[in-house]
C-alpha atoms as a PDB file:
ATOM      1  CA  MET A   1      -0.672 -18.517  30.699  1.00  0.00           C
ATOM      2  CA  GLU A   2       1.076 -19.960  27.679  1.00  0.00           C
ATOM      3  CA  ILE A   3       1.034 -18.298  24.270  1.00  0.00           C
ATOM      4  CA  ASP A   4       0.490 -20.554  21.286  1.00  0.00           C
ATOM      5  CA  PRO A   5       3.535 -20.560  18.937  1.00  0.00           C
ATOM      6  CA  SER A   6       1.209 -20.561  15.920  1.00  0.00           C
ATOM      7  CA  LEU A   7      -0.241 -17.249  17.049  1.00  0.00           C
ATOM      8  CA  VAL A   8       3.210 -15.735  17.408  1.00  0.00           C
ATOM      9  CA  LYS A   9       4.218 -16.969  13.942  1.00  0.00           C
ATOM     10  CA  GLY A  10       1.024 -15.620  12.405  1.00  0.00           C
ATOM     11  CA  LEU A  11       1.481 -12.199  13.976  1.00  0.00           C
ATOM     12  CA  THR A  12       5.127 -12.110  12.903  1.00  0.00           C
ATOM     13  CA  ILE A  13       4.217 -12.867   9.299  1.00  0.00           C
ATOM     14  CA  ALA A  14       1.407 -10.313   9.335  1.00  0.00           C
ATOM     15  CA  LEU A  15       3.536  -7.538  10.808  1.00  0.00           C
ATOM     16  CA  GLY A  16       6.518  -8.489   8.652  1.00  0.00           C
ATOM     17  CA  ALA A  17       4.394  -8.277   5.502  1.00  0.00           C
ATOM     18  CA  ILE A  18       3.080  -4.778   6.170  1.00  0.00           C
ATOM     19  CA  GLY A  19       6.416  -3.062   5.506  1.00  0.00           C
ATOM     20  CA  PRO A  20       7.156  -4.754   2.175  1.00  0.00           C
ATOM     21  CA  ALA A  21       3.563  -4.238   1.007  1.00  0.00           C
ATOM     22  CA  LEU A  22       3.741  -0.516   1.733  1.00  0.00           C
ATOM     23  CA  GLY A  23       7.187  -0.336   0.161  1.00  0.00           C
ATOM     24  CA  LEU A  24       6.050  -1.984  -3.063  1.00  0.00           C
ATOM     25  CA  GLY A  25       3.066   0.349  -3.262  1.00  0.00           C
ATOM     26  CA  MET A  26       5.273   3.391  -2.805  1.00  0.00           C
ATOM     27  CA  ILE A  27       7.768   2.152  -5.419  1.00  0.00           C
ATOM     28  CA  GLY A  28       4.970   1.552  -7.928  1.00  0.00           C
ATOM     29  CA  ALA A  29       3.389   4.941  -7.312  1.00  0.00           C
ATOM     30  CA  ALA A  30       6.722   6.731  -7.628  1.00  0.00           C
ATOM     31  CA  ALA A  31       7.573   4.870 -10.855  1.00  0.00           C
ATOM     32  CA  VAL A  32       4.250   5.719 -12.479  1.00  0.00           C
ATOM     33  CA  GLN A  33       4.561   9.340 -11.391  1.00  0.00           C
ATOM     34  CA  SER A  34       8.130   9.550 -12.721  1.00  0.00           C
ATOM     35  CA  VAL A  35       7.179   8.093 -16.107  1.00  0.00           C
ATOM     36  CA  GLY A  36       4.299  10.550 -16.259  1.00  0.00           C
ATOM     37  CA  ARG A  37       6.717  13.440 -15.762  1.00  0.00           C
ATOM     38  CA  ASN A  38       9.479  12.106 -18.017  1.00  0.00           C
ATOM     39  CA  PRO A  39       8.306   9.450 -20.514  1.00  0.00           C
ATOM     40  CA  ASP A  40      11.716   9.301 -22.216  1.00  0.00           C
ATOM     41  CA  ALA A  41      13.311   7.836 -19.088  1.00  0.00           C
ATOM     42  CA  GLN A  42      10.854   4.933 -18.883  1.00  0.00           C
ATOM     43  CA  SER A  43      13.440   2.163 -19.345  1.00  0.00           C
ATOM     44  CA  LYS A  44      15.750   3.548 -16.644  1.00  0.00           C
ATOM     45  CA  ILE A  45      12.842   4.058 -14.243  1.00  0.00           C
ATOM     46  CA  LEU A  46      11.509   0.540 -14.875  1.00  0.00           C
ATOM     47  CA  THR A  47      14.928  -1.003 -14.275  1.00  0.00           C
ATOM     48  CA  MET A  48      15.461   0.897 -11.033  1.00  0.00           C
ATOM     49  CA  GLY A  49      11.906   0.120  -9.880  1.00  0.00           C
ATOM     50  CA  LEU A  50      12.365  -3.611 -10.453  1.00  0.00           C
ATOM     51  CA  ILE A  51      15.669  -3.631  -8.591  1.00  0.00           C
ATOM     52  CA  MET A  52      14.123  -1.792  -5.650  1.00  0.00           C
ATOM     53  CA  ALA A  53      11.075  -4.093  -5.650  1.00  0.00           C
ATOM     54  CA  GLY A  54      13.410  -7.084  -5.451  1.00  0.00           C
ATOM     55  CA  LEU A  55      15.210  -5.579  -2.474  1.00  0.00           C
ATOM     56  CA  VAL A  56      11.919  -4.868  -0.703  1.00  0.00           C
ATOM     57  CA  ASP A  57      10.723  -8.430  -1.355  1.00  0.00           C
ATOM     58  CA  ALA A  58      13.926  -9.731   0.211  1.00  0.00           C
ATOM     59  CA  ILE A  59      12.727  -8.313   3.531  1.00  0.00           C
ATOM     60  CA  MET A  60       9.642 -10.528   3.389  1.00  0.00           C
ATOM     61  CA  VAL A  61      11.805 -13.541   2.576  1.00  0.00           C
ATOM     62  CA  PHE A  62      13.940 -12.815   5.638  1.00  0.00           C
ATOM     63  CA  VAL A  63      10.804 -12.630   7.776  1.00  0.00           C
ATOM     64  CA  LEU A  64       9.611 -16.004   6.481  1.00  0.00           C
ATOM     65  CA  ILE A  65      13.017 -17.590   7.055  1.00  0.00           C
ATOM     66  CA  ILE A  66      13.108 -16.320  10.620  1.00  0.00           C
ATOM     67  CA  VAL A  67       9.556 -17.476  11.337  1.00  0.00           C
ATOM     68  CA  PHE A  68       9.964 -20.985   9.971  1.00  0.00           C
ATOM     69  CA  THR A  69      13.391 -21.670  11.445  1.00  0.00           C
ATOM     70  CA  VAL A  70      12.643 -20.588  15.009  1.00  0.00           C
END
């Protein structure tokens, strides 16, 4: 029995996207909660949230690179 490479690529993308999606949701929820507790620190929280979102998105980019180069 041979497994179709398209199926493997599709599953890899799907499983590789779950982590970054959950991570972005958690970052957004934590940022909104932090601004709610301390509105004066909004600019610092926004900056840190954007940096962390970029790092989480990098994981998805690595998944796509691995999938399309193998």
